[in-house]
PDB file of all heavy atoms in Angstrom:
ATOM      1  N   ALA A   1       2.060   6.786  -1.454  1.00  0.00           N
ATOM      2  CA  ALA A   1       3.257   6.196  -0.882  1.00  0.00           C
ATOM      3  C   ALA A   1       3.750   7.080   0.257  1.00  0.00           C
ATOM      4  O   ALA A   1       3.865   8.291   0.094  1.00  0.00           O
ATOM      5  CB  ALA A   1       4.336   6.051  -1.949  1.00  0.00           C
ATOM      6  N   THR A   2       4.036   6.459   1.389  1.00  0.00           N
ATOM      7  CA  THR A   2       4.554   7.210   2.523  1.00  0.00           C
ATOM      8  C   THR A   2       6.055   7.012   2.686  1.00  0.00           C
ATOM      9  O   THR A   2       6.704   7.734   3.426  1.00  0.00           O
ATOM     10  CB  THR A   2       3.851   6.772   3.831  1.00  0.00           C
ATOM     11  OG1 THR A   2       4.051   5.365   4.032  1.00  0.00           O
ATOM     12  CG2 THR A   2       2.361   7.073   3.736  1.00  0.00           C
ATOM     13  N   ARG A   3       6.606   6.010   2.008  1.00  0.00           N
ATOM     14  CA  ARG A   3       8.048   5.777   2.033  1.00  0.00           C
ATOM     15  C   ARG A   3       8.448   5.077   0.762  1.00  0.00           C
ATOM     16  O   ARG A   3       7.803   4.099   0.354  1.00  0.00           O
ATOM     17  CB  ARG A   3       8.435   4.920   3.240  1.00  0.00           C
ATOM     18  CG  ARG A   3       9.945   4.756   3.432  1.00  0.00           C
ATOM     19  CD  ARG A   3      10.237   3.855   4.617  1.00  0.00           C
ATOM     20  NE  ARG A   3       9.947   2.468   4.292  1.00  0.00           N
ATOM     21  CZ  ARG A   3      10.860   1.499   4.242  1.00  0.00           C
ATOM     22  NH1 ARG A   3      12.124   1.770   4.499  1.00  0.00           N
ATOM     23  NH2 ARG A   3      10.524   0.264   3.955  1.00  0.00           N
ATOM     24  N   THR A   4       9.512   5.539   0.117  1.00  0.00           N
ATOM     25  CA  THR A   4      10.017   4.938  -1.105  1.00  0.00           C
ATOM     26  C   THR A   4      11.532   4.897  -1.018  1.00  0.00           C
ATOM     27  O   THR A   4      12.177   5.932  -0.889  1.00  0.00           O
ATOM     28  CB  THR A   4       9.606   5.771  -2.349  1.00  0.00           C
ATOM     29  OG1 THR A   4       8.182   5.912  -2.370  1.00  0.00           O
ATOM     30  CG2 THR A   4      10.064   5.105  -3.620  1.00  0.00           C
ATOM     31  N   GLU A   5      12.114   3.689  -1.097  1.00  0.00           N
ATOM     32  CA  GLU A   5      13.563   3.592  -0.964  1.00  0.00           C
ATOM     33  C   GLU A   5      14.086   2.336  -1.646  1.00  0.00           C
ATOM     34  O   GLU A   5      13.351   1.384  -1.895  1.00  0.00           O
ATOM     35  CB  GLU A   5      13.978   3.591   0.499  1.00  0.00           C
ATOM     36  CG  GLU A   5      13.512   2.380   1.284  1.00  0.00           C
ATOM     37  CD  GLU A   5      13.963   2.443   2.742  1.00  0.00           C
ATOM     38  OE1 GLU A   5      14.297   3.537   3.207  1.00  0.00           O
ATOM     39  OE2 GLU A   5      13.986   1.373   3.398  1.00  0.00           O
ATOM     40  N   ILE A   6      15.365   2.367  -1.957  1.00  0.00           N
ATOM     41  CA  ILE A   6      16.052   1.207  -2.527  1.00  0.00           C
ATOM     42  C   ILE A   6      16.677   0.424  -1.381  1.00  0.00           C
ATOM     43  O   ILE A   6      17.359   0.968  -0.526  1.00  0.00           O
ATOM     44  CB  ILE A   6      17.144   1.637  -3.513  1.00  0.00           C
ATOM     45  CG1 ILE A   6      16.543   2.449  -4.667  1.00  0.00           C
ATOM     46  CG2 ILE A   6      17.900   0.419  -4.044  1.00  0.00           C
ATOM     47  CD1 ILE A   6      15.563   1.691  -5.516  1.00  0.00           C
ATOM     48  N   ASP A   7      16.441  -0.879  -1.377  1.00  0.00           N
ATOM     49  CA  ASP A   7      17.016  -1.785  -0.391  1.00  0.00           C
ATOM     50  C   ASP A   7      17.785  -2.864  -1.143  1.00  0.00           C
ATOM     51  O   ASP A   7      17.208  -3.879  -1.549  1.00  0.00           O
ATOM     52  CB  ASP A   7      15.926  -2.389   0.484  1.00  0.00           C
ATOM     53  CG  ASP A   7      16.459  -3.379   1.498  1.00  0.00           C
ATOM     54  OD1 ASP A   7      17.684  -3.347   1.798  1.00  0.00           O
ATOM     55  OD2 ASP A   7      15.663  -4.222   1.993  1.00  0.00           O
ATOM     56  N   GLY A   8      19.065  -2.615  -1.387  1.00  0.00           N
ATOM     57  CA  GLY A   8      19.862  -3.570  -2.162  1.00  0.00           C
ATOM     58  C   GLY A   8      19.360  -3.686  -3.582  1.00  0.00           C
ATOM     59  O   GLY A   8      19.401  -2.731  -4.360  1.00  0.00           O
ATOM     60  N   SER A   9      18.843  -4.855  -3.932  1.00  0.00           N
ATOM     61  CA  SER A   9      18.344  -5.096  -5.286  1.00  0.00           C
ATOM     62  C   SER A   9      16.837  -4.938  -5.387  1.00  0.00           C
ATOM     63  O   SER A   9      16.216  -5.344  -6.371  1.00  0.00           O
ATOM     64  CB  SER A   9      18.730  -6.517  -5.744  1.00  0.00           C
ATOM     65  OG  SER A   9      18.126  -7.486  -4.900  1.00  0.00           O
ATOM     66  N   ARG A  10      16.219  -4.331  -4.374  1.00  0.00           N
ATOM     67  CA  ARG A  10      14.768  -4.191  -4.341  1.00  0.00           C
ATOM     68  C   ARG A  10      14.348  -2.747  -4.170  1.00  0.00           C
ATOM     69  O   ARG A  10      15.001  -1.971  -3.466  1.00  0.00           O
ATOM     70  CB  ARG A  10      14.177  -5.026  -3.195  1.00  0.00           C
ATOM     71  CG  ARG A  10      14.577  -6.481  -3.217  1.00  0.00           C
ATOM     72  CD  ARG A  10      13.883  -7.251  -2.088  1.00  0.00           C
ATOM     73  NE  ARG A  10      14.149  -6.676  -0.772  1.00  0.00           N
ATOM     74  CZ  ARG A  10      13.583  -7.127   0.356  1.00  0.00           C
ATOM     75  NH1 ARG A  10      12.712  -8.113   0.302  1.00  0.00           N
ATOM     76  NH2 ARG A  10      13.884  -6.555   1.515  1.00  0.00           N
ATOM     77  N   LEU A  11      13.223  -2.401  -4.796  1.00  0.00           N
ATOM     78  CA  LEU A  11      12.570  -1.118  -4.584  1.00  0.00           C
ATOM     79  C   LEU A  11      11.425  -1.356  -3.603  1.00  0.00           C
ATOM     80  O   LEU A  11      10.526  -2.158  -3.878  1.00  0.00           O
ATOM     81  CB  LEU A  11      12.026  -0.572  -5.907  1.00  0.00           C
ATOM     82  CG  LEU A  11      11.111   0.658  -5.815  1.00  0.00           C
ATOM     83  CD1 LEU A  11      11.862   1.854  -5.236  1.00  0.00           C
ATOM     84  CD2 LEU A  11      10.523   0.986  -7.187  1.00  0.00           C
ATOM     85  N   MET A  12      11.471  -0.690  -2.450  1.00  0.00           N
ATOM     86  CA  MET A  12      10.474  -0.865  -1.399  1.00  0.00           C
ATOM     87  C   MET A  12       9.593   0.372  -1.306  1.00  0.00           C
ATOM     88  O   MET A  12      10.097   1.506  -1.258  1.00  0.00           O
ATOM     89  CB  MET A  12      11.156  -1.123  -0.058  1.00  0.00           C
ATOM     90  CG  MET A  12      12.212  -2.210  -0.078  1.00  0.00           C
ATOM     91  SD  MET A  12      11.533  -3.843  -0.441  1.00  0.00           S
ATOM     92  CE  MET A  12      10.546  -4.130   1.028  1.00  0.00           C
ATOM     93  N   ILE A  13       8.268   0.160  -1.257  1.00  0.00           N
ATOM     94  CA  ILE A  13       7.326   1.278  -1.155  1.00  0.00           C
ATOM     95  C   ILE A  13       6.260   0.939  -0.103  1.00  0.00           C
ATOM     96  O   ILE A  13       5.624  -0.111  -0.185  1.00  0.00           O
ATOM     97  CB  ILE A  13       6.667   1.578  -2.507  1.00  0.00           C
ATOM     98  CG1 ILE A  13       7.724   1.985  -3.541  1.00  0.00           C
ATOM     99  CG2 ILE A  13       5.620   2.679  -2.346  1.00  0.00           C
ATOM    100  CD1 ILE A  13       7.162   2.277  -4.923  1.00  0.00           C
ATOM    101  N   ASP A  14       6.072   1.858   0.839  1.00  0.00           N
ATOM    102  CA  ASP A  14       4.980   1.736   1.811  1.00  0.00           C
ATOM    103  C   ASP A  14       3.791   2.529   1.302  1.00  0.00           C
ATOM    104  O   ASP A  14       3.963   3.691   0.870  1.00  0.00           O
ATOM    105  CB  ASP A  14       5.403   2.276   3.170  1.00  0.00           C
ATOM    106  CG  ASP A  14       6.424   1.396   3.863  1.00  0.00           C
ATOM    107  OD1 ASP A  14       6.779   0.341   3.307  1.00  0.00           O
ATOM    108  OD2 ASP A  14       6.887   1.776   4.960  1.00  0.00           O
ATOM    109  N   VAL A  15       2.596   1.930   1.368  1.00  0.00           N
ATOM    110  CA  VAL A  15       1.391   2.567   0.839  1.00  0.00           C
ATOM    111  C   VAL A  15       0.343   2.753   1.925  1.00  0.00           C
ATOM    112  O   VAL A  15       0.029   1.804   2.665  1.00  0.00           O
ATOM    113  CB  VAL A  15       0.798   1.737  -0.320  1.00  0.00           C
ATOM    114  CG1 VAL A  15      -0.562   2.291  -0.739  1.00  0.00           C
ATOM    115  CG2 VAL A  15       1.748   1.740  -1.511  1.00  0.00           C
ATOM    116  N   GLU A  16      -0.190   3.962   1.990  1.00  0.00           N
ATOM    117  CA  GLU A  16      -1.311   4.277   2.855  1.00  0.00           C
ATOM    118  C   GLU A  16      -2.557   4.425   1.983  1.00  0.00           C
ATOM    119  O   GLU A  16      -2.564   5.212   1.022  1.00  0.00           O
ATOM    120  CB  GLU A  16      -1.020   5.584   3.607  1.00  0.00           C
ATOM    121  CG  GLU A  16      -2.143   6.065   4.484  1.00  0.00           C
ATOM    122  CD  GLU A  16      -1.797   7.405   5.111  1.00  0.00           C
ATOM    123  OE1 GLU A  16      -1.591   8.395   4.351  1.00  0.00           O
ATOM    124  OE2 GLU A  16      -1.721   7.463   6.342  1.00  0.00           O
ATOM    125  N   PHE A  17      -3.617   3.689   2.305  1.00  0.00           N
ATOM    126  CA  PHE A  17      -4.828   3.720   1.514  1.00  0.00           C
ATOM    127  C   PHE A  17      -5.745   4.859   1.962  1.00  0.00           C
ATOM    128  O   PHE A  17      -5.797   5.204   3.149  1.00  0.00           O
ATOM    129  CB  PHE A  17      -5.564   2.381   1.604  1.00  0.00           C
ATOM    130  CG  PHE A  17      -4.902   1.275   0.840  1.00  0.00           C
ATOM    131  CD1 PHE A  17      -3.806   0.613   1.384  1.00  0.00           C
ATOM    132  CD2 PHE A  17      -5.350   0.913  -0.415  1.00  0.00           C
ATOM    133  CE1 PHE A  17      -3.177  -0.408   0.664  1.00  0.00           C
ATOM    134  CE2 PHE A  17      -4.723  -0.100  -1.128  1.00  0.00           C
ATOM    135  CZ  PHE A  17      -3.642  -0.757  -0.586  1.00  0.00           C
ATOM    136  N   ASP A  18      -6.488   5.420   1.003  1.00  0.00           N
ATOM    137  CA  ASP A  18      -7.408   6.509   1.265  1.00  0.00           C
ATOM    138  C   ASP A  18      -8.637   5.960   1.988  1.00  0.00           C
ATOM    139  O   ASP A  18      -9.487   5.302   1.397  1.00  0.00           O
ATOM    140  CB  ASP A  18      -7.804   7.153  -0.062  1.00  0.00           C
ATOM    141  CG  ASP A  18      -8.745   8.348   0.121  1.00  0.00           C
ATOM    142  OD1 ASP A  18      -9.125   8.644   1.249  1.00  0.00           O
ATOM    143  OD2 ASP A  18      -9.088   8.972  -0.917  1.00  0.00           O
ATOM    144  N   GLN A  19      -8.739   6.252   3.275  1.00  0.00           N
ATOM    145  CA  GLN A  19      -9.839   5.714   4.081  1.00  0.00           C
ATOM    146  C   GLN A  19     -11.174   6.400   3.792  1.00  0.00           C
ATOM    147  O   GLN A  19     -12.224   5.897   4.212  1.00  0.00           O
ATOM    148  CB  GLN A  19      -9.487   5.844   5.566  1.00  0.00           C
ATOM    149  CG  GLN A  19      -8.265   5.047   5.989  1.00  0.00           C
ATOM    150  CD  GLN A  19      -8.393   3.579   5.660  1.00  0.00           C
ATOM    151  OE1 GLN A  19      -9.348   2.912   6.090  1.00  0.00           O
ATOM    152  NE2 GLN A  19      -7.432   3.055   4.885  1.00  0.00           N
ATOM    153  N   GLY A  20     -11.155   7.506   3.045  1.00  0.00           N
ATOM    154  CA  GLY A  20     -12.392   8.157   2.661  1.00  0.00           C
ATOM    155  C   GLY A  20     -12.962   7.643   1.352  1.00  0.00           C
ATOM    156  O   GLY A  20     -14.000   8.120   0.890  1.00  0.00           O
ATOM    157  N   ASP A  21     -12.289   6.666   0.737  1.00  0.00           N
ATOM    158  CA  ASP A  21     -12.676   6.110  -0.561  1.00  0.00           C
ATOM    159  C   ASP A  21     -13.098   4.656  -0.353  1.00  0.00           C
ATOM    160  O   ASP A  21     -12.289   3.814   0.057  1.00  0.00           O
ATOM    161  CB  ASP A  21     -11.495   6.202  -1.506  1.00  0.00           C
ATOM    162  CG  ASP A  21     -11.808   5.745  -2.925  1.00  0.00           C
ATOM    163  OD1 ASP A  21     -12.598   4.778  -3.087  1.00  0.00           O
ATOM    164  OD2 ASP A  21     -11.264   6.332  -3.870  1.00  0.00           O
ATOM    165  N   GLU A  22     -14.364   4.351  -0.623  1.00  0.00           N
ATOM    166  CA  GLU A  22     -14.882   3.003  -0.382  1.00  0.00           C
ATOM    167  C   GLU A  22     -14.136   1.947  -1.197  1.00  0.00           C
ATOM    168  O   GLU A  22     -13.814   0.862  -0.697  1.00  0.00           O
ATOM    169  CB  GLU A  22     -16.372   2.951  -0.716  1.00  0.00           C
ATOM    170  CG  GLU A  22     -17.016   1.589  -0.465  1.00  0.00           C
ATOM    171  CD  GLU A  22     -18.498   1.573  -0.775  1.00  0.00           C
ATOM    172  OE1 GLU A  22     -19.044   2.647  -1.139  1.00  0.00           O
ATOM    173  OE2 GLU A  22     -19.115   0.498  -0.660  1.00  0.00           O
ATOM    174  N   PHE A  23     -13.859   2.271  -2.463  1.00  0.00           N
ATOM    175  CA  PHE A  23     -13.137   1.314  -3.299  1.00  0.00           C
ATOM    176  C   PHE A  23     -11.725   1.091  -2.783  1.00  0.00           C
ATOM    177  O   PHE A  23     -11.235  -0.038  -2.740  1.00  0.00           O
ATOM    178  CB  PHE A  23     -13.094   1.812  -4.749  1.00  0.00           C
ATOM    179  CG  PHE A  23     -12.333   0.908  -5.678  1.00  0.00           C
ATOM    180  CD1 PHE A  23     -12.781  -0.374  -5.960  1.00  0.00           C
ATOM    181  CD2 PHE A  23     -11.142   1.338  -6.267  1.00  0.00           C
ATOM    182  CE1 PHE A  23     -12.066  -1.208  -6.806  1.00  0.00           C
ATOM    183  CE2 PHE A  23     -10.422   0.513  -7.110  1.00  0.00           C
ATOM    184  CZ  PHE A  23     -10.891  -0.770  -7.381  1.00  0.00           C
ATOM    185  N   ALA A  24     -11.061   2.158  -2.336  1.00  0.00           N
ATOM    186  CA  ALA A  24      -9.703   2.027  -1.778  1.00  0.00           C
ATOM    187  C   ALA A  24      -9.712   1.135  -0.553  1.00  0.00           C
ATOM    188  O   ALA A  24      -8.811   0.287  -0.378  1.00  0.00           O
ATOM    189  CB  ALA A  24      -9.155   3.405  -1.411  1.00  0.00           C
ATOM    190  N   ARG A  25     -10.708   1.276   0.307  1.00  0.00           N
ATOM    191  CA  ARG A  25     -10.791   0.433   1.496  1.00  0.00           C
ATOM    192  C   ARG A  25     -11.005  -1.025   1.122  1.00  0.00           C
ATOM    193  O   ARG A  25     -10.484  -1.948   1.773  1.00  0.00           O
ATOM    194  CB  ARG A  25     -11.921   0.903   2.417  1.00  0.00           C
ATOM    195  CG  ARG A  25     -11.692   2.286   3.029  1.00  0.00           C
ATOM    196  CD  ARG A  25     -12.615   2.514   4.224  1.00  0.00           C
ATOM    197  NE  ARG A  25     -14.023   2.303   3.907  1.00  0.00           N
ATOM    198  CZ  ARG A  25     -14.832   3.263   3.442  1.00  0.00           C
ATOM    199  NH1 ARG A  25     -14.355   4.479   3.216  1.00  0.00           N
ATOM    200  NH2 ARG A  25     -16.091   2.993   3.191  1.00  0.00           N
ATOM    201  N   GLU A  26     -11.780  -1.269   0.047  1.00  0.00           N
ATOM    202  CA  GLU A  26     -12.021  -2.649  -0.406  1.00  0.00           C
ATOM    203  C   GLU A  26     -10.744  -3.272  -0.955  1.00  0.00           C
ATOM    204  O   GLU A  26     -10.435  -4.434  -0.682  1.00  0.00           O
ATOM    205  CB  GLU A  26     -13.124  -2.661  -1.456  1.00  0.00           C
ATOM    206  CG  GLU A  26     -13.438  -4.050  -2.013  1.00  0.00           C
ATOM    207  CD  GLU A  26     -14.056  -4.993  -0.997  1.00  0.00           C
ATOM    208  OE1 GLU A  26     -14.367  -4.548   0.132  1.00  0.00           O
ATOM    209  OE2 GLU A  26     -14.256  -6.176  -1.339  1.00  0.00           O
ATOM    210  N   VAL A  27      -9.972  -2.500  -1.725  1.00  0.00           N
ATOM    211  CA  VAL A  27      -8.709  -3.009  -2.255  1.00  0.00           C
ATOM    212  C   VAL A  27      -7.752  -3.302  -1.101  1.00  0.00           C
ATOM    213  O   VAL A  27      -7.079  -4.336  -1.062  1.00  0.00           O
ATOM    214  CB  VAL A  27      -8.083  -2.007  -3.252  1.00  0.00           C
ATOM    215  CG1 VAL A  27      -6.691  -2.477  -3.676  1.00  0.00           C
ATOM    216  CG2 VAL A  27      -8.973  -1.838  -4.475  1.00  0.00           C
ATOM    217  N   GLU A  28      -7.692  -2.401  -0.128  1.00  0.00           N
ATOM    218  CA  GLU A  28      -6.835  -2.610   1.032  1.00  0.00           C
ATOM    219  C   GLU A  28      -7.210  -3.899   1.761  1.00  0.00           C
ATOM    220  O   GLU A  28      -6.337  -4.691   2.155  1.00  0.00           O
ATOM    221  CB  GLU A  28      -6.945  -1.433   1.989  1.00  0.00           C
ATOM    222  CG  GLU A  28      -6.105  -1.610   3.251  1.00  0.00           C
ATOM    223  CD  GLU A  28      -6.296  -0.497   4.247  1.00  0.00           C
ATOM    224  OE1 GLU A  28      -7.245   0.303   4.091  1.00  0.00           O
ATOM    225  OE2 GLU A  28      -5.486  -0.414   5.188  1.00  0.00           O
ATOM    226  N   ARG A  29      -8.512  -4.123   1.944  1.00  0.00           N
ATOM    227  CA  ARG A  29      -8.953  -5.354   2.614  1.00  0.00           C
ATOM    228  C   ARG A  29      -8.506  -6.597   1.865  1.00  0.00           C
ATOM    229  O   ARG A  29      -8.066  -7.582   2.466  1.00  0.00           O
ATOM    230  CB  ARG A  29     -10.480  -5.349   2.760  1.00  0.00           C
ATOM    231  CG  ARG A  29     -11.022  -6.583   3.489  1.00  0.00           C
ATOM    232  CD  ARG A  29     -12.523  -6.699   3.359  1.00  0.00           C
ATOM    233  NE  ARG A  29     -12.926  -6.970   1.984  1.00  0.00           N
ATOM    234  CZ  ARG A  29     -12.839  -8.169   1.402  1.00  0.00           C
ATOM    235  NH1 ARG A  29     -12.343  -9.199   2.045  1.00  0.00           N
ATOM    236  NH2 ARG A  29     -13.240  -8.327   0.157  1.00  0.00           N
ATOM    237  N   LYS A  30      -8.575  -6.546   0.544  1.00  0.00           N
ATOM    238  CA  LYS A  30      -8.167  -7.707  -0.240  1.00  0.00           C
ATOM    239  C   LYS A  30      -6.671  -7.985  -0.084  1.00  0.00           C
ATOM    240  O   LYS A  30      -6.247  -9.133  -0.068  1.00  0.00           O
ATOM    241  CB  LYS A  30      -8.530  -7.501  -1.710  1.00  0.00           C
ATOM    242  CG  LYS A  30     -10.035  -7.576  -1.979  1.00  0.00           C
ATOM    243  CD  LYS A  30     -10.361  -7.454  -3.446  1.00  0.00           C
ATOM    244  CE  LYS A  30     -11.857  -7.468  -3.669  1.00  0.00           C
ATOM    245  NZ  LYS A  30     -12.472  -8.760  -3.273  1.00  0.00           N
ATOM    246  N   TYR A  31      -5.863  -6.933   0.030  1.00  0.00           N
ATOM    247  CA  TYR A  31      -4.430  -7.142   0.279  1.00  0.00           C
ATOM    248  C   TYR A  31      -4.210  -7.729   1.679  1.00  0.00           C
ATOM    249  O   TYR A  31      -3.455  -8.686   1.843  1.00  0.00           O
ATOM    250  CB  TYR A  31      -3.670  -5.821   0.159  1.00  0.00           C
ATOM    251  CG  TYR A  31      -3.291  -5.459  -1.250  1.00  0.00           C
ATOM    252  CD1 TYR A  31      -3.751  -4.274  -1.831  1.00  0.00           C
ATOM    253  CD2 TYR A  31      -2.449  -6.282  -2.007  1.00  0.00           C
ATOM    254  CE1 TYR A  31      -3.395  -3.930  -3.121  1.00  0.00           C
ATOM    255  CE2 TYR A  31      -2.092  -5.927  -3.306  1.00  0.00           C
ATOM    256  CZ  TYR A  31      -2.572  -4.750  -3.857  1.00  0.00           C
ATOM    257  OH  TYR A  31      -2.216  -4.417  -5.141  1.00  0.00           O
ATOM    258  N   ARG A  32      -4.867  -7.173   2.667  1.00  0.00           N
ATOM    259  CA  ARG A  32      -4.649  -7.628   4.030  1.00  0.00           C
ATOM    260  C   ARG A  32      -5.157  -9.056   4.247  1.00  0.00           C
ATOM    261  O   ARG A  32      -4.584  -9.814   5.043  1.00  0.00           O
ATOM    262  CB  ARG A  32      -5.308  -6.659   5.020  1.00  0.00           C
ATOM    263  CG  ARG A  32      -4.651  -5.292   5.033  1.00  0.00           C
ATOM    264  CD  ARG A  32      -5.159  -4.433   6.184  1.00  0.00           C
ATOM    265  NE  ARG A  32      -4.628  -3.082   6.099  1.00  0.00           N
ATOM    266  CZ  ARG A  32      -3.428  -2.699   6.544  1.00  0.00           C
ATOM    267  NH1 ARG A  32      -2.618  -3.600   7.103  1.00  0.00           N
ATOM    268  NH2 ARG A  32      -3.025  -1.441   6.432  1.00  0.00           N
ATOM    269  N   ASP A  33      -6.236  -9.414   3.543  1.00  0.00           N
ATOM    270  CA  ASP A  33      -6.819 -10.749   3.719  1.00  0.00           C
ATOM    271  C   ASP A  33      -6.237 -11.769   2.749  1.00  0.00           C
ATOM    272  O   ASP A  33      -6.634 -12.930   2.775  1.00  0.00           O
ATOM    273  CB  ASP A  33      -8.334 -10.684   3.553  1.00  0.00           C
ATOM    274  CG  ASP A  33      -9.005  -9.909   4.680  1.00  0.00           C
ATOM    275  OD1 ASP A  33      -8.317  -9.635   5.699  1.00  0.00           O
ATOM    276  OD2 ASP A  33     -10.191  -9.573   4.559  1.00  0.00           O
ATOM    277  N   GLY A  34      -5.331 -11.351   1.860  1.00  0.00           N
ATOM    278  CA  GLY A  34      -4.674 -12.293   0.968  1.00  0.00           C
ATOM    279  C   GLY A  34      -5.376 -12.578  -0.338  1.00  0.00           C
ATOM    280  O   GLY A  34      -4.991 -13.491  -1.062  1.00  0.00           O
TER     281      GLY A  34
END
């Protein structure tokens, strides 16, 4: 997580994926592609 904060009634977290990890890159692609 690169940012973690409360926004009203929501918990917001920004995530940076490990680009040196093949599985991490695959999970990231699945999020980006829906």
